[in-house]
All heavy atoms as atom14 arrays in JSON, in Angstrom:
{
  "sequence": "LELKQVQEKLHFNKNKIIPALRNASETELADKIEQCGKY",
  "atom14_mask": [
    [1, 1, 1, 1, 1, 1, 1, 1, 0, 0, 0, 0, 0, 0],
    [1, 1, 1, 1, 1, 1, 1, 1, 1, 0, 0, 0, 0, 0],
    [1, 1, 1, 1, 1, 1, 1, 1, 0, 0, 0, 0, 0, 0],
    [1, 1, 1, 1, 1, 1, 1, 1, 1, 0, 0, 0, 0, 0],
    [1, 1, 1, 1, 1, 1, 1, 1, 1, 0, 0, 0, 0, 0],
    [1, 1, 1, 1, 1, 1, 1, 0, 0, 0, 0, 0, 0, 0],
    [1, 1, 1, 1, 1, 1, 1, 1, 1, 0, 0, 0, 0, 0],
    [1, 1, 1, 1, 1, 1, 1, 1, 1, 0, 0, 0, 0, 0],
    [1, 1, 1, 1, 1, 1, 1, 1, 1, 0, 0, 0, 0, 0],
    [1, 1, 1, 1, 1, 1, 1, 1, 0, 0, 0, 0, 0, 0],
    [1, 1, 1, 1, 1, 1, 1, 1, 1, 1, 0, 0, 0, 0],
    [1, 1, 1, 1, 1, 1, 1, 1, 1, 1, 1, 0, 0, 0],
    [1, 1, 1, 1, 1, 1, 1, 1, 0, 0, 0, 0, 0, 0],
    [1, 1, 1, 1, 1, 1, 1, 1, 1, 0, 0, 0, 0, 0],
    [1, 1, 1, 1, 1, 1, 1, 1, 0, 0, 0, 0, 0, 0],
    [1, 1, 1, 1, 1, 1, 1, 1, 1, 0, 0, 0, 0, 0],
    [1, 1, 1, 1, 1, 1, 1, 1, 0, 0, 0, 0, 0, 0],
    [1, 1, 1, 1, 1, 1, 1, 1, 0, 0, 0, 0, 0, 0],
    [1, 1, 1, 1, 1, 1, 1, 0, 0, 0, 0, 0, 0, 0],
    [1, 1, 1, 1, 1, 0, 0, 0, 0, 0, 0, 0, 0, 0],
    [1, 1, 1, 1, 1, 1, 1, 1, 0, 0, 0, 0, 0, 0],
    [1, 1, 1, 1, 1, 1, 1, 1, 1, 1, 1, 0, 0, 0],
    [1, 1, 1, 1, 1, 1, 1, 1, 0, 0, 0, 0, 0, 0],
    [1, 1, 1, 1, 1, 0, 0, 0, 0, 0, 0, 0, 0, 0],
    [1, 1, 1, 1, 1, 1, 0, 0, 0, 0, 0, 0, 0, 0],
    [1, 1, 1, 1, 1, 1, 1, 1, 1, 0, 0, 0, 0, 0],
    [1, 1, 1, 1, 1, 1, 1, 0, 0, 0, 0, 0, 0, 0],
    [1, 1, 1, 1, 1, 1, 1, 1, 1, 0, 0, 0, 0, 0],
    [1, 1, 1, 1, 1, 1, 1, 1, 0, 0, 0, 0, 0, 0],
    [1, 1, 1, 1, 1, 0, 0, 0, 0, 0, 0, 0, 0, 0],
    [1, 1, 1, 1, 1, 1, 1, 1, 0, 0, 0, 0, 0, 0],
    [1, 1, 1, 1, 1, 1, 1, 1, 1, 0, 0, 0, 0, 0],
    [1, 1, 1, 1, 1, 1, 1, 1, 0, 0, 0, 0, 0, 0],
    [1, 1, 1, 1, 1, 1, 1, 1, 1, 0, 0, 0, 0, 0],
    [1, 1, 1, 1, 1, 1, 1, 1, 1, 0, 0, 0, 0, 0],
    [1, 1, 1, 1, 1, 1, 0, 0, 0, 0, 0, 0, 0, 0],
    [1, 1, 1, 1, 0, 0, 0, 0, 0, 0, 0, 0, 0, 0],
    [1, 1, 1, 1, 1, 1, 1, 1, 1, 0, 0, 0, 0, 0],
    [1, 1, 1, 1, 1, 1, 1, 1, 1, 1, 1, 1, 0, 0]
  ],
  "atom14_positions": [
    [[0.83, -1.2, 0.0], [0.0, 0.0, 0.0], [0.86, 1.25, 0.0], [1.88, 1.32, 0.69], [-0.9, 0.03, 1.24], [-2.07, -0.94, 1.29], [-2.78, -0.85, 2.63], [-3.06, -0.66, 0.16], [0.0, 0.0, 0.0], [0.0, 0.0, 0.0], [0.0, 0.0, 0.0], [0.0, 0.0, 0.0], [0.0, 0.0, 0.0], [0.0, 0.0, 0.0]],
    [[0.45, 2.26, -0.75], [1.08, 3.56, -0.67], [0.58, 4.26, 0.59], [-0.46, 3.91, 1.14], [0.73, 4.39, -1.92], [1.14, 3.75, -3.23], [2.65, 3.7, -3.39], [3.35, 4.53, -2.76], [3.13, 2.83, -4.15], [0.0, 0.0, 0.0], [0.0, 0.0, 0.0], [0.0, 0.0, 0.0], [0.0, 0.0, 0.0], [0.0, 0.0, 0.0]],
    [[1.34, 5.27, 1.03], [0.96, 5.99, 2.25], [-0.44, 6.59, 2.1], [-1.25, 6.52, 3.04], [1.98, 7.1, 2.52], [1.67, 8.02, 3.71], [1.55, 7.23, 4.99], [2.76, 9.09, 3.84], [0.0, 0.0, 0.0], [0.0, 0.0, 0.0], [0.0, 0.0, 0.0], [0.0, 0.0, 0.0], [0.0, 0.0, 0.0], [0.0, 0.0, 0.0]],
    [[-0.73, 7.17, 0.93], [-2.05, 7.77, 0.73], [-3.16, 6.75, 0.86], [-4.23, 7.03, 1.43], [-2.11, 8.43, -0.65], [-3.41, 9.16, -0.93], [-3.38, 9.85, -2.29], [-4.68, 10.61, -2.56], [-4.66, 11.28, -3.88], [0.0, 0.0, 0.0], [0.0, 0.0, 0.0], [0.0, 0.0, 0.0], [0.0, 0.0, 0.0], [0.0, 0.0, 0.0]],
    [[-2.93, 5.53, 0.36], [-3.94, 4.48, 0.49], [-4.16, 4.07, 1.94], [-5.3, 3.87, 2.36], [-3.5, 3.26, -0.33], [-3.49, 3.47, -1.83], [-2.95, 2.26, -2.57], [-1.83, 1.8, -2.31], [-3.73, 1.74, -3.49], [0.0, 0.0, 0.0], [0.0, 0.0, 0.0], [0.0, 0.0, 0.0], [0.0, 0.0, 0.0], [0.0, 0.0, 0.0]],
    [[-3.07, 3.96, 2.7], [-3.2, 3.63, 4.12], [-4.01, 4.71, 4.83], [-4.92, 4.42, 5.63], [-1.8, 3.48, 4.77], [-1.95, 3.23, 6.28], [-1.04, 2.32, 4.14], [0.0, 0.0, 0.0], [0.0, 0.0, 0.0], [0.0, 0.0, 0.0], [0.0, 0.0, 0.0], [0.0, 0.0, 0.0], [0.0, 0.0, 0.0], [0.0, 0.0, 0.0]],
    [[-3.67, 5.99, 4.56], [-4.37, 7.09, 5.23], [-5.85, 7.09, 4.88], [-6.71, 7.36, 5.73], [-3.71, 8.41, 4.84], [-2.33, 8.58, 5.42], [-1.61, 9.82, 4.91], [-1.86, 10.27, 3.79], [-0.7, 10.35, 5.72], [0.0, 0.0, 0.0], [0.0, 0.0, 0.0], [0.0, 0.0, 0.0], [0.0, 0.0, 0.0], [0.0, 0.0, 0.0]],
    [[-6.18, 6.81, 3.61], [-7.6, 6.76, 3.2], [-8.35, 5.67, 3.92], [-9.49, 5.86, 4.37], [-7.68, 6.55, 1.69], [-7.25, 7.77, 0.88], [-7.2, 7.47, -0.61], [-7.28, 6.27, -1.0], [-7.08, 8.43, -1.41], [0.0, 0.0, 0.0], [0.0, 0.0, 0.0], [0.0, 0.0, 0.0], [0.0, 0.0, 0.0], [0.0, 0.0, 0.0]],
    [[-7.72, 4.5, 4.06], [-8.37, 3.38, 4.75], [-8.5, 3.63, 6.24], [-9.46, 3.22, 6.88], [-7.62, 2.09, 4.47], [-7.66, 1.65, 3.01], [-9.07, 1.5, 2.5], [-9.11, 1.11, 1.04], [-10.51, 1.02, 0.51], [0.0, 0.0, 0.0], [0.0, 0.0, 0.0], [0.0, 0.0, 0.0], [0.0, 0.0, 0.0], [0.0, 0.0, 0.0]],
    [[-7.5, 4.3, 6.83], [-7.6, 4.65, 8.24], [-8.75, 5.63, 8.48], [-9.46, 5.54, 9.5], [-6.27, 5.27, 8.72], [-5.08, 4.32, 8.87], [-3.83, 5.11, 9.29], [-5.38, 3.22, 9.89], [0.0, 0.0, 0.0], [0.0, 0.0, 0.0], [0.0, 0.0, 0.0], [0.0, 0.0, 0.0], [0.0, 0.0, 0.0], [0.0, 0.0, 0.0]],
    [[-8.9, 6.55, 7.54], [-10.02, 7.5, 7.62], [-11.36, 6.75, 7.52], [-12.3, 7.07, 8.25], [-9.89, 8.52, 6.47], [-10.95, 9.58, 6.5], [-10.95, 10.64, 7.37], [-12.09, 9.73, 5.75], [-12.0, 11.4, 7.17], [-12.71, 10.87, 6.18], [0.0, 0.0, 0.0], [0.0, 0.0, 0.0], [0.0, 0.0, 0.0], [0.0, 0.0, 0.0]],
    [[-11.41, 5.76, 6.64], [-12.64, 4.95, 6.49], [-12.92, 4.17, 7.77], [-14.06, 4.07, 8.22], [-12.48, 4.0, 5.31], [-13.71, 3.21, 4.98], [-14.82, 3.82, 4.43], [-13.76, 1.85, 5.24], [-15.96, 3.09, 4.12], [-14.9, 1.1, 4.94], [-16.01, 1.74, 4.39], [0.0, 0.0, 0.0], [0.0, 0.0, 0.0], [0.0, 0.0, 0.0]],
    [[-11.87, 3.61, 8.36], [-12.02, 2.92, 9.64], [-12.62, 3.84, 10.69], [-13.58, 3.48, 11.39], [-10.67, 2.41, 10.16], [-10.22, 1.12, 9.49], [-10.95, 0.51, 8.74], [-8.98, 0.73, 9.76], [0.0, 0.0, 0.0], [0.0, 0.0, 0.0], [0.0, 0.0, 0.0], [0.0, 0.0, 0.0], [0.0, 0.0, 0.0], [0.0, 0.0, 0.0]],
    [[-12.04, 5.03, 10.8], [-12.44, 5.98, 11.84], [-13.87, 6.46, 11.67], [-14.6, 6.6, 12.66], [-11.46, 7.16, 11.82], [-11.74, 8.22, 12.88], [-10.72, 9.34, 12.8], [-11.0, 10.41, 13.83], [-9.98, 11.51, 13.75], [0.0, 0.0, 0.0], [0.0, 0.0, 0.0], [0.0, 0.0, 0.0], [0.0, 0.0, 0.0], [0.0, 0.0, 0.0]],
    [[-14.28, 6.71, 10.44], [-15.56, 7.35, 10.2], [-16.71, 6.39, 9.88], [-17.88, 6.78, 10.0], [-15.44, 8.37, 9.07], [-14.6, 9.57, 9.47], [-15.06, 10.47, 10.16], [-13.34, 9.58, 9.06], [0.0, 0.0, 0.0], [0.0, 0.0, 0.0], [0.0, 0.0, 0.0], [0.0, 0.0, 0.0], [0.0, 0.0, 0.0], [0.0, 0.0, 0.0]],
    [[-16.38, 5.17, 9.47], [-17.43, 4.22, 9.08], [-17.41, 2.93, 9.92], [-18.39, 2.56, 10.54], [-17.27, 3.86, 7.6], [-17.47, 5.03, 6.65], [-18.93, 5.5, 6.61], [-19.11, 6.59, 5.56], [-20.52, 7.05, 5.49], [0.0, 0.0, 0.0], [0.0, 0.0, 0.0], [0.0, 0.0, 0.0], [0.0, 0.0, 0.0], [0.0, 0.0, 0.0]],
    [[-16.27, 2.27, 9.89], [-16.2, 0.92, 10.48], [-16.3, 0.95, 12.0], [-17.12, 0.24, 12.6], [-14.93, 0.2, 10.02], [-15.0, -0.07, 8.53], [-14.76, -1.13, 10.78], [-13.77, -0.7, 7.94], [0.0, 0.0, 0.0], [0.0, 0.0, 0.0], [0.0, 0.0, 0.0], [0.0, 0.0, 0.0], [0.0, 0.0, 0.0], [0.0, 0.0, 0.0]],
    [[-15.47, 1.74, 12.63], [-15.45, 1.77, 14.1], [-16.79, 2.25, 14.68], [-17.31, 1.62, 15.61], [-14.28, 2.64, 14.58], [-12.95, 1.97, 14.2], [-14.34, 2.86, 16.09], [-11.72, 2.8, 14.44], [0.0, 0.0, 0.0], [0.0, 0.0, 0.0], [0.0, 0.0, 0.0], [0.0, 0.0, 0.0], [0.0, 0.0, 0.0], [0.0, 0.0, 0.0]],
    [[-17.41, 3.33, 14.15], [-18.74, 3.7, 14.67], [-19.78, 2.6, 14.51], [-20.61, 2.4, 15.4], [-19.09, 4.93, 13.84], [-17.79, 5.51, 13.43], [-16.89, 4.32, 13.19], [0.0, 0.0, 0.0], [0.0, 0.0, 0.0], [0.0, 0.0, 0.0], [0.0, 0.0, 0.0], [0.0, 0.0, 0.0], [0.0, 0.0, 0.0], [0.0, 0.0, 0.0]],
    [[-19.74, 1.89, 13.36], [-20.72, 0.82, 13.15], [-20.51, -0.32, 14.14], [-21.48, -0.89, 14.68], [-20.59, 0.28, 11.72], [0.0, 0.0, 0.0], [0.0, 0.0, 0.0], [0.0, 0.0, 0.0], [0.0, 0.0, 0.0], [0.0, 0.0, 0.0], [0.0, 0.0, 0.0], [0.0, 0.0, 0.0], [0.0, 0.0, 0.0], [0.0, 0.0, 0.0]],
    [[-19.27, -0.64, 14.44], [-18.98, -1.7, 15.41], [-19.37, -1.29, 16.81], [-19.92, -2.08, 17.59], [-17.49, -2.06, 15.36], [-17.01, -2.77, 14.09], [-15.5, -2.9, 14.09], [-17.68, -4.13, 13.94], [0.0, 0.0, 0.0], [0.0, 0.0, 0.0], [0.0, 0.0, 0.0], [0.0, 0.0, 0.0], [0.0, 0.0, 0.0], [0.0, 0.0, 0.0]],
    [[-19.1, -0.05, 17.18], [-19.48, 0.42, 18.51], [-20.99, 0.46, 18.65], [-21.54, 0.14, 19.72], [-18.85, 1.79, 18.77], [-17.33, 1.77, 18.83], [-16.79, 2.97, 19.6], [-15.34, 3.01, 19.55], [-14.51, 2.23, 20.24], [-15.04, 1.33, 21.05], [-13.21, 2.36, 20.12], [0.0, 0.0, 0.0], [0.0, 0.0, 0.0], [0.0, 0.0, 0.0]],
    [[-21.68, 0.87, 17.6], [-23.14, 0.9, 17.63], [-23.72, -0.5, 17.81], [-24.81, -0.67, 18.37], [-23.67, 1.52, 16.33], [-25.18, 1.66, 16.34], [-25.76, 2.33, 17.19], [-25.84, 1.03, 15.37], [0.0, 0.0, 0.0], [0.0, 0.0, 0.0], [0.0, 0.0, 0.0], [0.0, 0.0, 0.0], [0.0, 0.0, 0.0], [0.0, 0.0, 0.0]],
    [[-22.97, -1.52, 17.31], [-23.41, -2.91, 17.46], [-22.87, -3.55, 18.72], [-22.96, -4.76, 18.9], [-22.98, -3.71, 16.23], [0.0, 0.0, 0.0], [0.0, 0.0, 0.0], [0.0, 0.0, 0.0], [0.0, 0.0, 0.0], [0.0, 0.0, 0.0], [0.0, 0.0, 0.0], [0.0, 0.0, 0.0], [0.0, 0.0, 0.0], [0.0, 0.0, 0.0]],
    [[-22.26, -2.73, 19.59], [-21.7, -3.19, 20.86], [-20.54, -4.16, 20.66], [-20.24, -4.97, 21.54], [-22.78, -3.85, 21.74], [-23.82, -2.94, 22.01], [0.0, 0.0, 0.0], [0.0, 0.0, 0.0], [0.0, 0.0, 0.0], [0.0, 0.0, 0.0], [0.0, 0.0, 0.0], [0.0, 0.0, 0.0], [0.0, 0.0, 0.0], [0.0, 0.0, 0.0]],
    [[-19.86, -4.07, 19.52], [-18.67, -4.87, 19.26], [-17.43, -4.06, 19.65], [-16.57, -3.74, 18.84], [-18.61, -5.29, 17.79], [-19.73, -6.2, 17.34], [-19.58, -7.63, 17.88], [-18.5, -7.94, 18.42], [-20.55, -8.4, 17.77], [0.0, 0.0, 0.0], [0.0, 0.0, 0.0], [0.0, 0.0, 0.0], [0.0, 0.0, 0.0], [0.0, 0.0, 0.0]],
    [[-17.36, -3.74, 20.95], [-16.35, -2.82, 21.46], [-14.93, -3.35, 21.31], [-14.02, -2.61, 20.91], [-16.62, -2.51, 22.95], [-17.96, -2.04, 23.1], [-15.66, -1.42, 23.45], [0.0, 0.0, 0.0], [0.0, 0.0, 0.0], [0.0, 0.0, 0.0], [0.0, 0.0, 0.0], [0.0, 0.0, 0.0], [0.0, 0.0, 0.0], [0.0, 0.0, 0.0]],
    [[-14.72, -4.62, 21.61], [-13.38, -5.2, 21.55], [-12.81, -5.13, 20.14], [-11.65, -4.76, 19.94], [-13.42, -6.64, 22.03], [-12.05, -7.31, 22.08], [-12.1, -8.71, 22.63], [-13.16, -9.12, 23.16], [-11.07, -9.43, 22.53], [0.0, 0.0, 0.0], [0.0, 0.0, 0.0], [0.0, 0.0, 0.0], [0.0, 0.0, 0.0], [0.0, 0.0, 0.0]],
    [[-13.62, -5.48, 19.15], [-13.17, -5.44, 17.77], [-12.95, -4.0, 17.32], [-11.98, -3.69, 16.62], [-14.19, -6.12, 16.85], [-13.84, -6.17, 15.37], [-12.49, -6.84, 15.13], [-14.93, -6.94, 14.6], [0.0, 0.0, 0.0], [0.0, 0.0, 0.0], [0.0, 0.0, 0.0], [0.0, 0.0, 0.0], [0.0, 0.0, 0.0], [0.0, 0.0, 0.0]],
    [[-13.82, -3.09, 17.75], [-13.67, -1.68, 17.41], [-12.36, -1.12, 17.95], [-11.63, -0.39, 17.26], [-14.85, -0.87, 17.93], [0.0, 0.0, 0.0], [0.0, 0.0, 0.0], [0.0, 0.0, 0.0], [0.0, 0.0, 0.0], [0.0, 0.0, 0.0], [0.0, 0.0, 0.0], [0.0, 0.0, 0.0], [0.0, 0.0, 0.0], [0.0, 0.0, 0.0]],
    [[-12.03, -1.47, 19.2], [-10.79, -1.01, 19.82], [-9.57, -1.56, 19.06], [-8.57, -0.85, 18.88], [-10.72, -1.46, 21.28], [-11.73, -0.72, 22.17], [-12.23, 0.33, 21.73], [-11.99, -1.19, 23.28], [0.0, 0.0, 0.0], [0.0, 0.0, 0.0], [0.0, 0.0, 0.0], [0.0, 0.0, 0.0], [0.0, 0.0, 0.0], [0.0, 0.0, 0.0]],
    [[-9.67, -2.81, 18.66], [-8.56, -3.45, 17.92], [-8.3, -2.73, 16.61], [-7.15, -2.41, 16.27], [-8.91, -4.92, 17.68], [-7.87, -5.69, 16.9], [-8.33, -7.13, 16.68], [-7.31, -7.92, 15.86], [-7.76, -9.33, 15.64], [0.0, 0.0, 0.0], [0.0, 0.0, 0.0], [0.0, 0.0, 0.0], [0.0, 0.0, 0.0], [0.0, 0.0, 0.0]],
    [[-9.35, -2.46, 15.85], [-9.22, -1.79, 14.57], [-8.77, -0.35, 14.73], [-8.01, 0.2, 13.91], [-10.53, -1.89, 13.77], [-10.81, -3.35, 13.38], [-10.5, -1.01, 12.54], [-12.12, -3.58, 12.69], [0.0, 0.0, 0.0], [0.0, 0.0, 0.0], [0.0, 0.0, 0.0], [0.0, 0.0, 0.0], [0.0, 0.0, 0.0], [0.0, 0.0, 0.0]],
    [[-9.18, 0.28, 15.82], [-8.81, 1.68, 16.07], [-7.3, 1.85, 16.23], [-6.75, 2.9, 15.91], [-9.53, 2.18, 17.32], [-9.45, 3.67, 17.52], [-10.36, 4.16, 18.63], [-10.57, 3.4, 19.6], [-10.88, 5.29, 18.52], [0.0, 0.0, 0.0], [0.0, 0.0, 0.0], [0.0, 0.0, 0.0], [0.0, 0.0, 0.0], [0.0, 0.0, 0.0]],
    [[-6.62, 0.8, 16.69], [-5.17, 0.86, 16.9], [-4.38, 0.45, 15.65], [-3.16, 0.55, 15.64], [-4.79, -0.05, 18.07], [-5.38, 0.37, 19.4], [-5.05, 1.8, 19.78], [-3.9, 2.22, 19.7], [-6.07, 2.56, 20.18], [0.0, 0.0, 0.0], [0.0, 0.0, 0.0], [0.0, 0.0, 0.0], [0.0, 0.0, 0.0], [0.0, 0.0, 0.0]],
    [[-5.08, 0.0, 14.63], [-4.41, -0.52, 13.44], [-3.67, 0.57, 12.65], [-4.23, 1.62, 12.37], [-5.41, -1.21, 12.51], [-4.69, -1.9, 11.01], [0.0, 0.0, 0.0], [0.0, 0.0, 0.0], [0.0, 0.0, 0.0], [0.0, 0.0, 0.0], [0.0, 0.0, 0.0], [0.0, 0.0, 0.0], [0.0, 0.0, 0.0], [0.0, 0.0, 0.0]],
    [[-2.42, 0.3, 12.32], [-1.66, 1.16, 11.42], [-1.43, 2.58, 11.88], [-1.24, 3.48, 11.05], [0.0, 0.0, 0.0], [0.0, 0.0, 0.0], [0.0, 0.0, 0.0], [0.0, 0.0, 0.0], [0.0, 0.0, 0.0], [0.0, 0.0, 0.0], [0.0, 0.0, 0.0], [0.0, 0.0, 0.0], [0.0, 0.0, 0.0], [0.0, 0.0, 0.0]],
    [[-1.43, 2.83, 13.18], [-1.27, 4.2, 13.67], [0.09, 4.79, 13.35], [0.23, 5.98, 13.12], [-1.53, 4.25, 15.18], [-2.99, 4.39, 15.57], [-3.14, 4.89, 16.97], [-4.59, 5.32, 17.24], [-4.74, 5.9, 18.58], [0.0, 0.0, 0.0], [0.0, 0.0, 0.0], [0.0, 0.0, 0.0], [0.0, 0.0, 0.0], [0.0, 0.0, 0.0]],
    [[1.12, 3.93, 13.38], [2.46, 4.41, 13.16], [3.07, 3.84, 11.87], [2.86, 2.67, 11.56], [3.36, 4.07, 14.35], [3.0, 4.81, 15.62], [2.1, 4.28, 16.52], [3.56, 6.06, 15.88], [1.73, 4.97, 17.67], [3.22, 6.77, 17.02], [2.3, 6.22, 17.91], [1.96, 6.91, 19.04], [0.0, 0.0, 0.0], [0.0, 0.0, 0.0]]
  ]
}
């Protein structure tokens, strides 16, 4: 992945995937994905 692609997917995680998981009470999985690729 190029850096831009990683950043785009991290943005998608933050704005779409993680909220959907938290709304479904899938907190553990949401926390795991939230830490993905930070550095």
